[in-house]
Amino acid sequence: HRKGATSANKGEMGIIPGSQGSNSYIVRGKG
C-alpha cells in the first residue's frame, strides 16, 4: 500500500513536486 508515496524501482523515472513557490524534481529510483 502506497499512500502519498510513489514507487522508485531501480532506474524508474519519477516526479517529486514541491509547492507553487518551490522547486520540483524529476528523479530516478534507486530500488
PDB file of all heavy atoms in Angstrom:
ATOM      1  N   HIS A   1       0.868  -1.185   0.000  1.00  0.00           N
ATOM      2  CA  HIS A   1       0.000   0.000   0.000  1.00  0.00           C
ATOM      3  C   HIS A   1       0.904   1.234   0.000  1.00  0.00           C
ATOM      4  O   HIS A   1       1.731   1.398   0.898  1.00  0.00           O
ATOM      5  CB  HIS A   1      -0.869   0.031   1.259  1.00  0.00           C
ATOM      6  CG  HIS A   1      -1.786  -1.134   1.426  1.00  0.00           C
ATOM      7  ND1 HIS A   1      -1.327  -2.422   1.682  1.00  0.00           N
ATOM      8  CD2 HIS A   1      -3.154  -1.211   1.398  1.00  0.00           C
ATOM      9  CE1 HIS A   1      -2.373  -3.235   1.801  1.00  0.00           C
ATOM     10  NE2 HIS A   1      -3.481  -2.532   1.634  1.00  0.00           N
ATOM     11  N   ARG A   2       0.737   2.070  -0.992  1.00  0.00           N
ATOM     12  CA  ARG A   2       1.454   3.347  -1.034  1.00  0.00           C
ATOM     13  C   ARG A   2       0.417   4.469  -0.962  1.00  0.00           C
ATOM     14  O   ARG A   2      -0.384   4.636  -1.862  1.00  0.00           O
ATOM     15  CB  ARG A   2       2.296   3.475  -2.303  1.00  0.00           C
ATOM     16  CG  ARG A   2       3.457   2.491  -2.378  1.00  0.00           C
ATOM     17  CD  ARG A   2       4.359   2.757  -3.577  1.00  0.00           C
ATOM     18  NE  ARG A   2       5.491   1.837  -3.585  1.00  0.00           N
ATOM     19  CZ  ARG A   2       5.500   0.652  -4.186  1.00  0.00           C
ATOM     20  NH1 ARG A   2       4.406   0.242  -4.851  1.00  0.00           N
ATOM     21  NH2 ARG A   2       6.558  -0.124  -4.143  1.00  0.00           N
ATOM     22  N   LYS A   3       0.448   5.195   0.130  1.00  0.00           N
ATOM     23  CA  LYS A   3      -0.492   6.306   0.317  1.00  0.00           C
ATOM     24  C   LYS A   3       0.318   7.597   0.409  1.00  0.00           C
ATOM     25  O   LYS A   3       1.004   7.841   1.404  1.00  0.00           O
ATOM     26  CB  LYS A   3      -1.323   6.103   1.590  1.00  0.00           C
ATOM     27  CG  LYS A   3      -2.425   7.149   1.772  1.00  0.00           C
ATOM     28  CD  LYS A   3      -3.260   6.833   3.001  1.00  0.00           C
ATOM     29  CE  LYS A   3      -4.462   7.767   3.095  1.00  0.00           C
ATOM     30  NZ  LYS A   3      -5.286   7.477   4.285  1.00  0.00           N
ATOM     31  N   GLY A   4       0.281   8.377  -0.658  1.00  0.00           N
ATOM     32  CA  GLY A   4       1.144   9.546  -0.708  1.00  0.00           C
ATOM     33  C   GLY A   4       2.603   9.149  -0.790  1.00  0.00           C
ATOM     34  O   GLY A   4       3.476   9.787  -0.206  1.00  0.00           O
ATOM     35  N   ALA A   5       2.871   8.082  -1.525  1.00  0.00           N
ATOM     36  CA  ALA A   5       4.241   7.632  -1.787  1.00  0.00           C
ATOM     37  C   ALA A   5       4.255   7.006  -3.172  1.00  0.00           C
ATOM     38  O   ALA A   5       3.236   6.469  -3.616  1.00  0.00           O
ATOM     39  CB  ALA A   5       4.698   6.622  -0.738  1.00  0.00           C
ATOM     40  N   THR A   6       5.379   7.078  -3.856  1.00  0.00           N
ATOM     41  CA  THR A   6       5.460   6.543  -5.206  1.00  0.00           C
ATOM     42  C   THR A   6       6.501   5.432  -5.283  1.00  0.00           C
ATOM     43  O   THR A   6       7.403   5.345  -4.447  1.00  0.00           O
ATOM     44  CB  THR A   6       5.834   7.623  -6.240  1.00  0.00           C
ATOM     45  OG1 THR A   6       7.240   7.894  -6.160  1.00  0.00           O
ATOM     46  CG2 THR A   6       5.063   8.899  -6.012  1.00  0.00           C
ATOM     47  N   SER A   7       6.359   4.593  -6.280  1.00  0.00           N
ATOM     48  CA  SER A   7       7.366   3.557  -6.489  1.00  0.00           C
ATOM     49  C   SER A   7       8.658   4.202  -6.983  1.00  0.00           C
ATOM     50  O   SER A   7       8.630   5.225  -7.677  1.00  0.00           O
ATOM     51  CB  SER A   7       6.876   2.499  -7.483  1.00  0.00           C
ATOM     52  OG  SER A   7       6.682   3.068  -8.761  1.00  0.00           O
ATOM     53  N   ALA A   8       9.774   3.621  -6.608  1.00  0.00           N
ATOM     54  CA  ALA A   8      11.092   4.133  -7.004  1.00  0.00           C
ATOM     55  C   ALA A   8      11.999   2.941  -7.286  1.00  0.00           C
ATOM     56  O   ALA A   8      13.055   2.773  -6.667  1.00  0.00           O
ATOM     57  CB  ALA A   8      11.670   5.030  -5.913  1.00  0.00           C
ATOM     58  N   ASN A   9      11.524   2.070  -8.204  1.00  0.00           N
ATOM     59  CA  ASN A   9      12.333   0.919  -8.599  1.00  0.00           C
ATOM     60  C   ASN A   9      13.651   1.389  -9.210  1.00  0.00           C
ATOM     61  O   ASN A   9      13.752   2.520  -9.693  1.00  0.00           O
ATOM     62  CB  ASN A   9      11.569   0.071  -9.615  1.00  0.00           C
ATOM     63  CG  ASN A   9      10.345  -0.583  -9.017  1.00  0.00           C
ATOM     64  OD1 ASN A   9      10.449  -1.351  -8.064  1.00  0.00           O
ATOM     65  ND2 ASN A   9       9.165  -0.263  -9.540  1.00  0.00           N
ATOM     66  N   LYS A  10      14.633   0.531  -9.219  1.00  0.00           N
ATOM     67  CA  LYS A  10      15.941   0.905  -9.751  1.00  0.00           C
ATOM     68  C   LYS A  10      15.805   1.336 -11.212  1.00  0.00           C
ATOM     69  O   LYS A  10      15.300   0.595 -12.047  1.00  0.00           O
ATOM     70  CB  LYS A  10      16.920  -0.261  -9.635  1.00  0.00           C
ATOM     71  CG  LYS A  10      18.365   0.104  -9.988  1.00  0.00           C
ATOM     72  CD  LYS A  10      19.306  -1.027  -9.669  1.00  0.00           C
ATOM     73  CE  LYS A  10      20.744  -0.673 -10.040  1.00  0.00           C
ATOM     74  NZ  LYS A  10      21.229   0.518  -9.295  1.00  0.00           N
ATOM     75  N   GLY A  11      16.192   2.563 -11.499  1.00  0.00           N
ATOM     76  CA  GLY A  11      16.136   3.086 -12.862  1.00  0.00           C
ATOM     77  C   GLY A  11      14.802   3.692 -13.251  1.00  0.00           C
ATOM     78  O   GLY A  11      14.689   4.303 -14.321  1.00  0.00           O
ATOM     79  N   GLU A  12      13.774   3.562 -12.405  1.00  0.00           N
ATOM     80  CA  GLU A  12      12.447   4.082 -12.743  1.00  0.00           C
ATOM     81  C   GLU A  12      12.412   5.599 -12.623  1.00  0.00           C
ATOM     82  O   GLU A  12      12.878   6.181 -11.646  1.00  0.00           O
ATOM     83  CB  GLU A  12      11.394   3.477 -11.801  1.00  0.00           C
ATOM     84  CG  GLU A  12       9.978   3.920 -12.089  1.00  0.00           C
ATOM     85  CD  GLU A  12       8.945   3.283 -11.163  1.00  0.00           C
ATOM     86  OE1 GLU A  12       9.346   2.757 -10.097  1.00  0.00           O
ATOM     87  OE2 GLU A  12       7.752   3.298 -11.502  1.00  0.00           O
ATOM     88  N   MET A  13      11.838   6.270 -13.645  1.00  0.00           N
ATOM     89  CA  MET A  13      11.696   7.717 -13.606  1.00  0.00           C
ATOM     90  C   MET A  13      10.500   8.104 -12.751  1.00  0.00           C
ATOM     91  O   MET A  13       9.440   7.465 -12.825  1.00  0.00           O
ATOM     92  CB  MET A  13      11.522   8.272 -15.019  1.00  0.00           C
ATOM     93  CG  MET A  13      12.692   7.986 -15.939  1.00  0.00           C
ATOM     94  SD  MET A  13      14.244   8.711 -15.344  1.00  0.00           S
ATOM     95  CE  MET A  13      13.923  10.443 -15.622  1.00  0.00           C
ATOM     96  N   GLY A  14      10.662   9.127 -11.931  1.00  0.00           N
ATOM     97  CA  GLY A  14       9.599   9.580 -11.056  1.00  0.00           C
ATOM     98  C   GLY A  14       9.547  11.091 -10.985  1.00  0.00           C
ATOM     99  O   GLY A  14      10.363  11.797 -11.600  1.00  0.00           O
ATOM    100  N   ILE A  15       8.568  11.591 -10.252  1.00  0.00           N
ATOM    101  CA  ILE A  15       8.329  13.029 -10.123  1.00  0.00           C
ATOM    102  C   ILE A  15       8.063  13.338  -8.655  1.00  0.00           C
ATOM    103  O   ILE A  15       7.216  12.705  -8.033  1.00  0.00           O
ATOM    104  CB  ILE A  15       7.099  13.457 -10.952  1.00  0.00           C
ATOM    105  CG1 ILE A  15       7.256  13.050 -12.427  1.00  0.00           C
ATOM    106  CG2 ILE A  15       6.862  14.954 -10.835  1.00  0.00           C
ATOM    107  CD1 ILE A  15       5.961  13.136 -13.217  1.00  0.00           C
ATOM    108  N   ILE A  16       8.790  14.317  -8.117  1.00  0.00           N
ATOM    109  CA  ILE A  16       8.551  14.766  -6.746  1.00  0.00           C
ATOM    110  C   ILE A  16       8.336  16.276  -6.780  1.00  0.00           C
ATOM    111  O   ILE A  16       9.287  17.038  -6.950  1.00  0.00           O
ATOM    112  CB  ILE A  16       9.722  14.400  -5.806  1.00  0.00           C
ATOM    113  CG1 ILE A  16       9.956  12.888  -5.801  1.00  0.00           C
ATOM    114  CG2 ILE A  16       9.441  14.908  -4.381  1.00  0.00           C
ATOM    115  CD1 ILE A  16      11.145  12.440  -4.967  1.00  0.00           C
ATOM    116  N   PRO A  17       7.066  16.718  -6.660  1.00  0.00           N
ATOM    117  CA  PRO A  17       6.800  18.159  -6.716  1.00  0.00           C
ATOM    118  C   PRO A  17       7.049  18.838  -5.383  1.00  0.00           C
ATOM    119  O   PRO A  17       6.980  18.207  -4.331  1.00  0.00           O
ATOM    120  CB  PRO A  17       5.313  18.198  -7.075  1.00  0.00           C
ATOM    121  CG  PRO A  17       4.758  16.971  -6.415  1.00  0.00           C
ATOM    122  CD  PRO A  17       5.836  15.925  -6.522  1.00  0.00           C
ATOM    123  N   GLY A  18       7.321  20.146  -5.452  1.00  0.00           N
ATOM    124  CA  GLY A  18       7.400  20.949  -4.239  1.00  0.00           C
ATOM    125  C   GLY A  18       6.065  21.637  -4.030  1.00  0.00           C
ATOM    126  O   GLY A  18       5.011  21.013  -4.080  1.00  0.00           O
ATOM    127  N   SER A  19       6.104  22.954  -3.824  1.00  0.00           N
ATOM    128  CA  SER A  19       4.889  23.763  -3.751  1.00  0.00           C
ATOM    129  C   SER A  19       4.929  24.743  -4.915  1.00  0.00           C
ATOM    130  O   SER A  19       5.890  24.759  -5.687  1.00  0.00           O
ATOM    131  CB  SER A  19       4.844  24.524  -2.423  1.00  0.00           C
ATOM    132  OG  SER A  19       5.878  25.496  -2.404  1.00  0.00           O
ATOM    133  N   GLN A  20       3.905  25.596  -5.032  1.00  0.00           N
ATOM    134  CA  GLN A  20       3.897  26.518  -6.164  1.00  0.00           C
ATOM    135  C   GLN A  20       4.952  27.614  -6.046  1.00  0.00           C
ATOM    136  O   GLN A  20       5.147  28.390  -6.985  1.00  0.00           O
ATOM    137  CB  GLN A  20       2.514  27.133  -6.358  1.00  0.00           C
ATOM    138  CG  GLN A  20       1.981  27.950  -5.210  1.00  0.00           C
ATOM    139  CD  GLN A  20       0.578  28.455  -5.482  1.00  0.00           C
ATOM    140  OE1 GLN A  20       0.317  29.083  -6.504  1.00  0.00           O
ATOM    141  NE2 GLN A  20      -0.347  28.167  -4.589  1.00  0.00           N
ATOM    142  N   GLY A  21       5.670  27.638  -4.926  1.00  0.00           N
ATOM    143  CA  GLY A  21       6.756  28.599  -4.779  1.00  0.00           C
ATOM    144  C   GLY A  21       8.104  27.935  -4.581  1.00  0.00           C
ATOM    145  O   GLY A  21       9.055  28.578  -4.118  1.00  0.00           O
ATOM    146  N   SER A  22       8.206  26.636  -4.910  1.00  0.00           N
ATOM    147  CA  SER A  22       9.485  25.946  -4.731  1.00  0.00           C
ATOM    148  C   SER A  22       9.728  24.963  -5.872  1.00  0.00           C
ATOM    149  O   SER A  22       8.837  24.702  -6.685  1.00  0.00           O
ATOM    150  CB  SER A  22       9.519  25.209  -3.385  1.00  0.00           C
ATOM    151  OG  SER A  22       8.551  24.179  -3.358  1.00  0.00           O
ATOM    152  N   ASN A  23      10.928  24.431  -5.915  1.00  0.00           N
ATOM    153  CA  ASN A  23      11.314  23.523  -6.994  1.00  0.00           C
ATOM    154  C   ASN A  23      10.543  22.212  -6.943  1.00  0.00           C
ATOM    155  O   ASN A  23      10.082  21.778  -5.889  1.00  0.00           O
ATOM    156  CB  ASN A  23      12.809  23.202  -6.904  1.00  0.00           C
ATOM    157  CG  ASN A  23      13.686  24.390  -7.236  1.00  0.00           C
ATOM    158  OD1 ASN A  23      13.247  25.329  -7.900  1.00  0.00           O
ATOM    159  ND2 ASN A  23      14.920  24.369  -6.779  1.00  0.00           N
ATOM    160  N   SER A  24      10.455  21.580  -8.115  1.00  0.00           N
ATOM    161  CA  SER A  24      10.005  20.193  -8.234  1.00  0.00           C
ATOM    162  C   SER A  24      11.143  19.413  -8.883  1.00  0.00           C
ATOM    163  O   SER A  24      12.091  20.005  -9.426  1.00  0.00           O
ATOM    164  CB  SER A  24       8.743  20.099  -9.089  1.00  0.00           C
ATOM    165  OG  SER A  24       7.666  20.771  -8.466  1.00  0.00           O
ATOM    166  N   TYR A  25      11.043  18.079  -8.852  1.00  0.00           N
ATOM    167  CA  TYR A  25      12.162  17.262  -9.309  1.00  0.00           C
ATOM    168  C   TYR A  25      11.716  16.079 -10.166  1.00  0.00           C
ATOM    169  O   TYR A  25      10.724  15.415  -9.855  1.00  0.00           O
ATOM    170  CB  TYR A  25      12.951  16.728  -8.102  1.00  0.00           C
ATOM    171  CG  TYR A  25      13.549  17.822  -7.261  1.00  0.00           C
ATOM    172  CD1 TYR A  25      12.828  18.390  -6.208  1.00  0.00           C
ATOM    173  CD2 TYR A  25      14.808  18.329  -7.546  1.00  0.00           C
ATOM    174  CE1 TYR A  25      13.350  19.422  -5.454  1.00  0.00           C
ATOM    175  CE2 TYR A  25      15.350  19.364  -6.795  1.00  0.00           C
ATOM    176  CZ  TYR A  25      14.616  19.914  -5.751  1.00  0.00           C
ATOM    177  OH  TYR A  25      15.150  20.935  -5.014  1.00  0.00           O
ATOM    178  N   ILE A  26      12.454  15.858 -11.237  1.00  0.00           N
ATOM    179  CA  ILE A  26      12.379  14.597 -11.965  1.00  0.00           C
ATOM    180  C   ILE A  26      13.481  13.726 -11.377  1.00  0.00           C
ATOM    181  O   ILE A  26      14.646  14.163 -11.270  1.00  0.00           O
ATOM    182  CB  ILE A  26      12.609  14.792 -13.481  1.00  0.00           C
ATOM    183  CG1 ILE A  26      11.625  15.825 -14.045  1.00  0.00           C
ATOM    184  CG2 ILE A  26      12.490  13.461 -14.210  1.00  0.00           C
ATOM    185  CD1 ILE A  26      10.169  15.435 -13.961  1.00  0.00           C
ATOM    186  N   VAL A  27      13.138  12.528 -10.960  1.00  0.00           N
ATOM    187  CA  VAL A  27      14.095  11.676 -10.244  1.00  0.00           C
ATOM    188  C   VAL A  27      14.193  10.297 -10.893  1.00  0.00           C
ATOM    189  O   VAL A  27      13.338   9.906 -11.690  1.00  0.00           O
ATOM    190  CB  VAL A  27      13.701  11.527  -8.752  1.00  0.00           C
ATOM    191  CG1 VAL A  27      13.726  12.878  -8.051  1.00  0.00           C
ATOM    192  CG2 VAL A  27      12.330  10.872  -8.615  1.00  0.00           C
ATOM    193  N   ARG A  28      15.233   9.594 -10.526  1.00  0.00           N
ATOM    194  CA  ARG A  28      15.413   8.202 -10.951  1.00  0.00           C
ATOM    195  C   ARG A  28      15.565   7.342  -9.700  1.00  0.00           C
ATOM    196  O   ARG A  28      16.392   7.621  -8.829  1.00  0.00           O
ATOM    197  CB  ARG A  28      16.644   8.061 -11.849  1.00  0.00           C
ATOM    198  CG  ARG A  28      16.833   6.643 -12.396  1.00  0.00           C
ATOM    199  CD  ARG A  28      18.056   6.538 -13.289  1.00  0.00           C
ATOM    200  NE  ARG A  28      17.876   7.271 -14.545  1.00  0.00           N
ATOM    201  CZ  ARG A  28      18.543   8.378 -14.881  1.00  0.00           C
ATOM    202  NH1 ARG A  28      19.418   8.912 -14.023  1.00  0.00           N
ATOM    203  NH2 ARG A  28      18.333   8.966 -16.040  1.00  0.00           N
ATOM    204  N   GLY A  29      14.729   6.308  -9.593  1.00  0.00           N
ATOM    205  CA  GLY A  29      14.731   5.471  -8.400  1.00  0.00           C
ATOM    206  C   GLY A  29      15.993   4.650  -8.239  1.00  0.00           C
ATOM    207  O   GLY A  29      16.643   4.271  -9.217  1.00  0.00           O
ATOM    208  N   LYS A  30      16.313   4.349  -6.978  1.00  0.00           N
ATOM    209  CA  LYS A  30      17.480   3.505  -6.659  1.00  0.00           C
ATOM    210  C   LYS A  30      17.081   2.087  -6.273  1.00  0.00           C
ATOM    211  O   LYS A  30      17.946   1.231  -6.083  1.00  0.00           O
ATOM    212  CB  LYS A  30      18.293   4.135  -5.533  1.00  0.00           C
ATOM    213  CG  LYS A  30      18.982   5.442  -5.931  1.00  0.00           C
ATOM    214  CD  LYS A  30      19.892   5.931  -4.807  1.00  0.00           C
ATOM    215  CE  LYS A  30      20.690   7.153  -5.252  1.00  0.00           C
ATOM    216  NZ  LYS A  30      21.629   7.614  -4.197  1.00  0.00           N
ATOM    217  N   GLY A  31      15.773   1.836  -6.110  1.00  0.00           N
ATOM    218  CA  GLY A  31      15.334   0.483  -5.786  1.00  0.00           C
ATOM    219  C   GLY A  31      15.678   0.050  -4.378  1.00  0.00           C
ATOM    220  O   GLY A  31      15.989  -1.123  -4.145  1.00  0.00           O
TER     221      GLY A  31
END
